[in-house]
Amino acid sequence: MAHHLHLGDLLVQHGVLTQQQRDEVLLAQTHRGGPFGVLAEEMFGVSPQAVERAWSEQYASFTPPIDPRNLSISSAALDLITRRQAWQFAVLPIELRPDKLVLCTTQEHLVRALRFAGWRLGHICHFVLSHPHHLGEALCDHYPLPGMTPSALAEPIRVMVS
């Protein structure tokens, strides 16, 4: 059985919280409820980006990686997004089920892909994770876009400001 990583422990490991601060957040969570990350932000000024980074690491710890290059991809799922969206948000729709849409992304792109799915796709979404190069190759196969290669997903995420 895999060891489950706790958000507070990850924030301590990343040097964002001390162990004492983590324990104070846990105590507050017991008394008043609420998500750990929100309480850490409120109580100790932890940045949302630090919480998101720890959350994506936590999610990756209990989600076994898949290789989208070896999957049968649903054309109905692929039709839900454009090539530009697939590459911009590093997301590959895999399967459209009656109850949910299964999407593949990477640990680094998880938060961005989740935000995209929330505002753009009208489905309950389940995310699976892949190695960036594997996802990049699958995107090249299903959403070819001039100039985009598998290595594009290995580059740091650039924040676009309008």
C-alpha atoms as a PDB file:
ATOM      1  CA  MET A   1       0.000   0.000   0.000  1.00  0.00           C
ATOM      2  CA  ALA A   2       1.379   3.409  -0.973  1.00  0.00           C
ATOM      3  CA  HIS A   3       2.083   6.003   1.670  1.00  0.00           C
ATOM      4  CA  HIS A   4      -0.460   8.816   1.506  1.00  0.00           C
ATOM      5  CA  LEU A   5       1.160  12.239   1.569  1.00  0.00           C
ATOM      6  CA  HIS A   6      -0.657  14.871   3.613  1.00  0.00           C
ATOM      7  CA  LEU A   7      -0.881  18.432   2.333  1.00  0.00           C
ATOM      8  CA  GLY A   8       0.456  19.883   5.577  1.00  0.00           C
ATOM      9  CA  ASP A   9       3.453  17.556   5.580  1.00  0.00           C
ATOM     10  CA  LEU A  10       4.253  18.547   1.991  1.00  0.00           C
ATOM     11  CA  LEU A  11       4.062  22.245   2.876  1.00  0.00           C
ATOM     12  CA  VAL A  12       6.503  21.569   5.734  1.00  0.00           C
ATOM     13  CA  GLN A  13       8.815  19.626   3.391  1.00  0.00           C
ATOM     14  CA  HIS A  14       8.731  22.544   0.940  1.00  0.00           C
ATOM     15  CA  GLY A  15       9.682  24.957   3.730  1.00  0.00           C
ATOM     16  CA  VAL A  16       6.406  26.869   3.447  1.00  0.00           C
ATOM     17  CA  LEU A  17       5.125  25.989   6.936  1.00  0.00           C
ATOM     18  CA  THR A  18       6.875  24.919  10.132  1.00  0.00           C
ATOM     19  CA  GLN A  19       5.717  21.757  11.885  1.00  0.00           C
ATOM     20  CA  GLN A  20       4.164  23.919  14.607  1.00  0.00           C
ATOM     21  CA  GLN A  21       2.239  25.951  12.021  1.00  0.00           C
ATOM     22  CA  ARG A  22       1.035  22.738  10.350  1.00  0.00           C
ATOM     23  CA  ASP A  23      -0.222  21.508  13.708  1.00  0.00           C
ATOM     24  CA  GLU A  24      -2.000  24.827  14.353  1.00  0.00           C
ATOM     25  CA  VAL A  25      -3.759  24.557  10.981  1.00  0.00           C
ATOM     26  CA  LEU A  26      -4.794  20.960  11.783  1.00  0.00           C
ATOM     27  CA  LEU A  27      -6.186  22.116  15.124  1.00  0.00           C
ATOM     28  CA  ALA A  28      -8.123  24.946  13.459  1.00  0.00           C
ATOM     29  CA  GLN A  29      -9.411  22.467  10.881  1.00  0.00           C
ATOM     30  CA  THR A  30     -10.697  20.226  13.693  1.00  0.00           C
ATOM     31  CA  HIS A  31     -12.487  23.107  15.426  1.00  0.00           C
ATOM     32  CA  ARG A  32     -13.925  25.082  12.535  1.00  0.00           C
ATOM     33  CA  GLY A  33     -13.526  22.855   9.498  1.00  0.00           C
ATOM     34  CA  GLY A  34     -12.484  23.870   6.016  1.00  0.00           C
ATOM     35  CA  PRO A  35      -9.795  22.803   3.581  1.00  0.00           C
ATOM     36  CA  PHE A  36      -6.249  22.668   4.959  1.00  0.00           C
ATOM     37  CA  GLY A  37      -4.863  24.833   2.156  1.00  0.00           C
ATOM     38  CA  VAL A  38      -7.417  27.610   2.662  1.00  0.00           C
ATOM     39  CA  LEU A  39      -6.727  27.681   6.389  1.00  0.00           C
ATOM     40  CA  ALA A  40      -2.948  27.762   5.806  1.00  0.00           C
ATOM     41  CA  GLU A  41      -3.424  30.698   3.434  1.00  0.00           C
ATOM     42  CA  GLU A  42      -5.601  32.571   5.965  1.00  0.00           C
ATOM     43  CA  MET A  43      -3.582  31.802   9.080  1.00  0.00           C
ATOM     44  CA  PHE A  44      -0.005  32.015   7.813  1.00  0.00           C
ATOM     45  CA  GLY A  45      -0.133  33.775   4.451  1.00  0.00           C
ATOM     46  CA  VAL A  46       0.784  30.668   2.474  1.00  0.00           C
ATOM     47  CA  SER A  47       0.514  31.499  -1.209  1.00  0.00           C
ATOM     48  CA  PRO A  48      -2.157  29.786  -3.304  1.00  0.00           C
ATOM     49  CA  GLN A  49       0.643  28.674  -5.663  1.00  0.00           C
ATOM     50  CA  ALA A  50       2.437  26.861  -2.816  1.00  0.00           C
ATOM     51  CA  VAL A  51      -0.802  25.103  -1.863  1.00  0.00           C
ATOM     52  CA  GLU A  52      -1.455  24.170  -5.506  1.00  0.00           C
ATOM     53  CA  ARG A  53       2.074  22.790  -5.913  1.00  0.00           C
ATOM     54  CA  ALA A  54       1.708  20.661  -2.773  1.00  0.00           C
ATOM     55  CA  TRP A  55      -1.797  19.563  -3.794  1.00  0.00           C
ATOM     56  CA  SER A  56      -0.605  18.407  -7.232  1.00  0.00           C
ATOM     57  CA  GLU A  57       2.239  16.480  -5.580  1.00  0.00           C
ATOM     58  CA  GLN A  58      -0.272  14.904  -3.183  1.00  0.00           C
ATOM     59  CA  TYR A  59      -2.587  13.974  -6.060  1.00  0.00           C
ATOM     60  CA  ALA A  60       0.301  12.425  -7.997  1.00  0.00           C
ATOM     61  CA  SER A  61       1.205  10.317  -4.958  1.00  0.00           C
ATOM     62  CA  PHE A  62      -2.051   8.356  -5.140  1.00  0.00           C
ATOM     63  CA  THR A  63      -2.691   8.426  -8.883  1.00  0.00           C
ATOM     64  CA  PRO A  64      -0.725   5.770 -10.752  1.00  0.00           C
ATOM     65  CA  PRO A  65       0.863   7.183 -13.923  1.00  0.00           C
ATOM     66  CA  ILE A  66      -0.492   6.099 -17.283  1.00  0.00           C
ATOM     67  CA  ASP A  67       0.973   6.124 -20.773  1.00  0.00           C
ATOM     68  CA  PRO A  68      -1.549   7.774 -23.110  1.00  0.00           C
ATOM     69  CA  ARG A  69       0.411   6.599 -26.156  1.00  0.00           C
ATOM     70  CA  ASN A  70      -0.860   3.047 -25.487  1.00  0.00           C
ATOM     71  CA  LEU A  71      -4.538   3.887 -24.925  1.00  0.00           C
ATOM     72  CA  SER A  72      -7.520   3.696 -27.203  1.00  0.00           C
ATOM     73  CA  ILE A  73      -8.674   7.318 -27.221  1.00  0.00           C
ATOM     74  CA  SER A  74     -12.342   8.155 -27.732  1.00  0.00           C
ATOM     75  CA  SER A  75     -13.014  10.396 -30.743  1.00  0.00           C
ATOM     76  CA  ALA A  76     -16.030  11.822 -28.864  1.00  0.00           C
ATOM     77  CA  ALA A  77     -13.680  12.899 -26.082  1.00  0.00           C
ATOM     78  CA  LEU A  78     -11.148  14.363 -28.527  1.00  0.00           C
ATOM     79  CA  ASP A  79     -13.877  16.446 -30.172  1.00  0.00           C
ATOM     80  CA  LEU A  80     -14.502  18.326 -26.903  1.00  0.00           C
ATOM     81  CA  ILE A  81     -11.437  20.570 -27.170  1.00  0.00           C
ATOM     82  CA  THR A  82      -9.360  22.253 -29.852  1.00  0.00           C
ATOM     83  CA  ARG A  83      -5.717  21.597 -30.700  1.00  0.00           C
ATOM     84  CA  ARG A  84      -4.729  24.930 -29.206  1.00  0.00           C
ATOM     85  CA  GLN A  85      -6.528  24.128 -25.946  1.00  0.00           C
ATOM     86  CA  ALA A  86      -4.933  20.679 -25.761  1.00  0.00           C
ATOM     87  CA  TRP A  87      -1.445  22.158 -25.995  1.00  0.00           C
ATOM     88  CA  GLN A  88      -2.090  25.335 -23.994  1.00  0.00           C
ATOM     89  CA  PHE A  89      -3.498  23.432 -21.031  1.00  0.00           C
ATOM     90  CA  ALA A  90      -1.502  20.193 -21.564  1.00  0.00           C
ATOM     91  CA  VAL A  91      -4.629  18.083 -21.506  1.00  0.00           C
ATOM     92  CA  LEU A  92      -5.699  15.053 -23.529  1.00  0.00           C
ATOM     93  CA  PRO A  93      -9.334  13.928 -23.298  1.00  0.00           C
ATOM     94  CA  ILE A  94      -9.233  10.130 -23.186  1.00  0.00           C
ATOM     95  CA  GLU A  95     -12.742   8.859 -22.646  1.00  0.00           C
ATOM     96  CA  LEU A  96     -16.207  10.368 -22.464  1.00  0.00           C
ATOM     97  CA  ARG A  97     -18.335   8.220 -20.165  1.00  0.00           C
ATOM     98  CA  PRO A  98     -21.996   8.840 -19.298  1.00  0.00           C
ATOM     99  CA  ASP A  99     -20.997  10.029 -15.818  1.00  0.00           C
ATOM    100  CA  LYS A 100     -17.633  11.738 -16.454  1.00  0.00           C
ATOM    101  CA  LEU A 101     -14.881  12.787 -18.809  1.00  0.00           C
ATOM    102  CA  VAL A 102     -11.445  11.222 -18.268  1.00  0.00           C
ATOM    103  CA  LEU A 103      -8.574  13.600 -19.015  1.00  0.00           C
ATOM    104  CA  CYS A 104      -4.823  13.067 -19.013  1.00  0.00           C
ATOM    105  CA  THR A 105      -2.312  15.725 -17.957  1.00  0.00           C
ATOM    106  CA  THR A 106       0.964  15.924 -16.041  1.00  0.00           C
ATOM    107  CA  GLN A 107       1.619  16.678 -12.391  1.00  0.00           C
ATOM    108  CA  GLU A 108       3.087  20.060 -13.304  1.00  0.00           C
ATOM    109  CA  HIS A 109       0.077  20.989 -15.468  1.00  0.00           C
ATOM    110  CA  LEU A 110      -2.623  19.524 -13.205  1.00  0.00           C
ATOM    111  CA  VAL A 111      -3.801  22.776 -11.610  1.00  0.00           C
ATOM    112  CA  ARG A 112      -3.936  24.564 -14.962  1.00  0.00           C
ATOM    113  CA  ALA A 113      -5.774  21.639 -16.608  1.00  0.00           C
ATOM    114  CA  LEU A 114      -8.231  21.497 -13.720  1.00  0.00           C
ATOM    115  CA  ARG A 115      -9.008  25.206 -14.048  1.00  0.00           C
ATOM    116  CA  PHE A 116      -9.496  24.828 -17.790  1.00  0.00           C
ATOM    117  CA  ALA A 117     -11.859  21.879 -17.333  1.00  0.00           C
ATOM    118  CA  GLY A 118     -13.825  23.801 -14.726  1.00  0.00           C
ATOM    119  CA  TRP A 119     -14.526  26.832 -16.910  1.00  0.00           C
ATOM    120  CA  ARG A 120     -14.626  25.235 -20.352  1.00  0.00           C
ATOM    121  CA  LEU A 121     -15.932  21.683 -20.167  1.00  0.00           C
ATOM    122  CA  GLY A 122     -19.458  20.907 -19.040  1.00  0.00           C
ATOM    123  CA  HIS A 123     -18.598  17.521 -17.573  1.00  0.00           C
ATOM    124  CA  ILE A 124     -17.519  16.027 -14.298  1.00  0.00           C
ATOM    125  CA  CYS A 125     -13.836  15.357 -14.929  1.00  0.00           C
ATOM    126  CA  HIS A 126     -11.485  12.681 -13.659  1.00  0.00           C
ATOM    127  CA  PHE A 127      -7.775  13.308 -14.159  1.00  0.00           C
ATOM    128  CA  VAL A 128      -5.055  10.765 -14.754  1.00  0.00           C
ATOM    129  CA  LEU A 129      -1.388  11.715 -14.914  1.00  0.00           C
ATOM    130  CA  SER A 130       1.344  10.966 -17.400  1.00  0.00           C
ATOM    131  CA  HIS A 131       5.023  11.659 -17.931  1.00  0.00           C
ATOM    132  CA  PRO A 132       5.324  14.966 -19.857  1.00  0.00           C
ATOM    133  CA  HIS A 133       7.106  13.412 -22.844  1.00  0.00           C
ATOM    134  CA  HIS A 134       4.510  10.626 -23.158  1.00  0.00           C
ATOM    135  CA  LEU A 135       1.670  13.133 -23.046  1.00  0.00           C
ATOM    136  CA  GLY A 136       3.504  15.304 -25.573  1.00  0.00           C
ATOM    137  CA  GLU A 137       3.802  12.390 -27.996  1.00  0.00           C
ATOM    138  CA  ALA A 138       0.104  11.585 -27.574  1.00  0.00           C
ATOM    139  CA  LEU A 139      -0.802  15.240 -28.180  1.00  0.00           C
ATOM    140  CA  CYS A 140       1.333  15.187 -31.352  1.00  0.00           C
ATOM    141  CA  ASP A 141      -0.660  12.148 -32.542  1.00  0.00           C
ATOM    142  CA  HIS A 142      -4.152  13.411 -31.670  1.00  0.00           C
ATOM    143  CA  TYR A 143      -3.776  17.205 -31.836  1.00  0.00           C
ATOM    144  CA  PRO A 144      -0.911  17.960 -34.240  1.00  0.00           C
ATOM    145  CA  LEU A 145       0.012  21.616 -34.189  1.00  0.00           C
ATOM    146  CA  PRO A 146       2.824  23.172 -36.224  1.00  0.00           C
ATOM    147  CA  GLY A 147       5.867  23.829 -34.070  1.00  0.00           C
ATOM    148  CA  MET A 148       4.699  21.760 -31.116  1.00  0.00           C
ATOM    149  CA  THR A 149       6.790  18.773 -30.093  1.00  0.00           C
ATOM    150  CA  PRO A 150       6.750  16.442 -27.071  1.00  0.00           C
ATOM    151  CA  SER A 151       9.537  18.473 -25.488  1.00  0.00           C
ATOM    152  CA  ALA A 152       7.196  21.482 -25.275  1.00  0.00           C
ATOM    153  CA  LEU A 153       5.567  19.939 -22.198  1.00  0.00           C
ATOM    154  CA  ALA A 154       8.902  19.535 -20.447  1.00  0.00           C
ATOM    155  CA  GLU A 155       9.509  23.286 -20.555  1.00  0.00           C
ATOM    156  CA  PRO A 156       8.471  25.411 -17.559  1.00  0.00           C
ATOM    157  CA  ILE A 157       4.935  26.743 -17.726  1.00  0.00           C
ATOM    158  CA  ARG A 158       4.880  30.301 -19.031  1.00  0.00           C
ATOM    159  CA  VAL A 159       2.257  32.551 -17.527  1.00  0.00           C
ATOM    160  CA  MET A 160       0.536  34.594 -20.207  1.00  0.00           C
ATOM    161  CA  VAL A 161      -0.462  38.105 -19.234  1.00  0.00           C
ATOM    162  CA  SER A 162      -2.972  39.944 -21.376  1.00  0.00           C
END
